[in-house]
Amino acid sequence: MLFKQQALLRQKLFVLGSLAIGSLLYLVARVGSLDRLQPLCPIDGRFGPRSQDEIPLRALQFKRGLLHEFRKGNATKEQIRLHNLVQQLPKAIIIGVRKGGTRALLEMLNLHPAVVKASQEIHFFDNDENYAKGIEWYRKKMPFSYPHQITIEKSPAYFITEEVPERIYKMNSSIKLLIIVREPTTRAISDYTQVLEGKERKNKTYYKFEKLAIDPNTCEVNTKYKAVRTSIYTKHLERWLKYFPIEQFHIVDGDRLITEPLPELQLVEKFLNLPPRISQYNLYFNATRGFYCLRFNIVFNKCLAGSKGRIHPEVDTSVVTKLRKFFHPFNQKFYQITGRTFNWP
């Protein structure tokens, strides 16, 4: 009898202990997230004065899960109306550059509670068929957001497509434009590597980088090769400057975003007139992946897809030298136009 009473007592103590531990973990998570979201400054600057129906930043953060459900299409029209949600045209666009880090930049900016990202590349302005569907089709491709949030999309093909600057200008002549760049030769090799991987998945053969980047007839850099042409940043930027002043562009250092992301993100916050909210807490280095991952709160973390950070093939050093020499004068002009200098060879 005594043995049964002792066993029953141990069982009760185990249940009570489990409940206590569960409650403690909940409180730790709650306090951690509240501490992370302590500042309650309204979104100011270009968004105008705070109105009665403006959502504080802390409320925006807590409703991320709700917005996620709406993005998946799990919301009724009544729920959308009750929560004052809208599909807004973007106030900023990451227009390029391909393989410069556009996805990483978009995901990192999404750490800010006042930013909502379009998950997919829309390809509205660079695709004639999509563009013909009209601006309302484009707007309905945007995620649901609160009126005082910024919607941002990224389509890196925009930067190099001739028709895009004029088309974006017609939509919004004062839009903010983000360009993320990497050292041009490295970017070109990264571009090649992505295409090569796609060919290999389909069991197709592909030329070596050297054969594509160098014209075999002249032994000079092949400017007809798209990966090379994309890396001539100044040529594309000059086309954009026919429609937008340089003040509406912000250049992001894609190489630094990999190794030291926070200072770059803080510069973007300032450019977008956002109150500073992204901190070192939101970024942690994943030694296994070799990249920084994202921490939204004590519960939710996210790393970029495994396809990011592909290993580049070995490229003949003489070809690398030739490419760097070719890009050098274009790089100098790019520094002069943008006012930002990079330590590119």
Foldseek 3Di string as FASTA:
>chain_A
DVVVVVVVVVVVVVVVVVVVVVVVVVVVQVVQLCVLVVDFDAQDDPLHDDDPPGDTLSRLLVCPVVLVCVQVVNDDPVRCVVVQKAQDDALEEAQDDVQLCPVVLQVLLVLRSQEDEQPDAPCQQQDPVNVVVDDVSVSVSGGIDHPRGGYYYYDNVLLVRLRNLVVVCVVPLLGAYEYGHEQLLVQLLVVVVVVCVVCVVVVHDDDDPCPLQAPPVVRAGDCVRVSLVSSLNLVSVVSNCVRHALLSYDYAHSVCCFVPNPVRSVVVCVSVSGDDSDDVVQWDADPVLSGIWGDSTPPDTGDDDSVPPDDGDDDDVVSVVSSLVVSVVSLVVVCVRNVDHDPHD
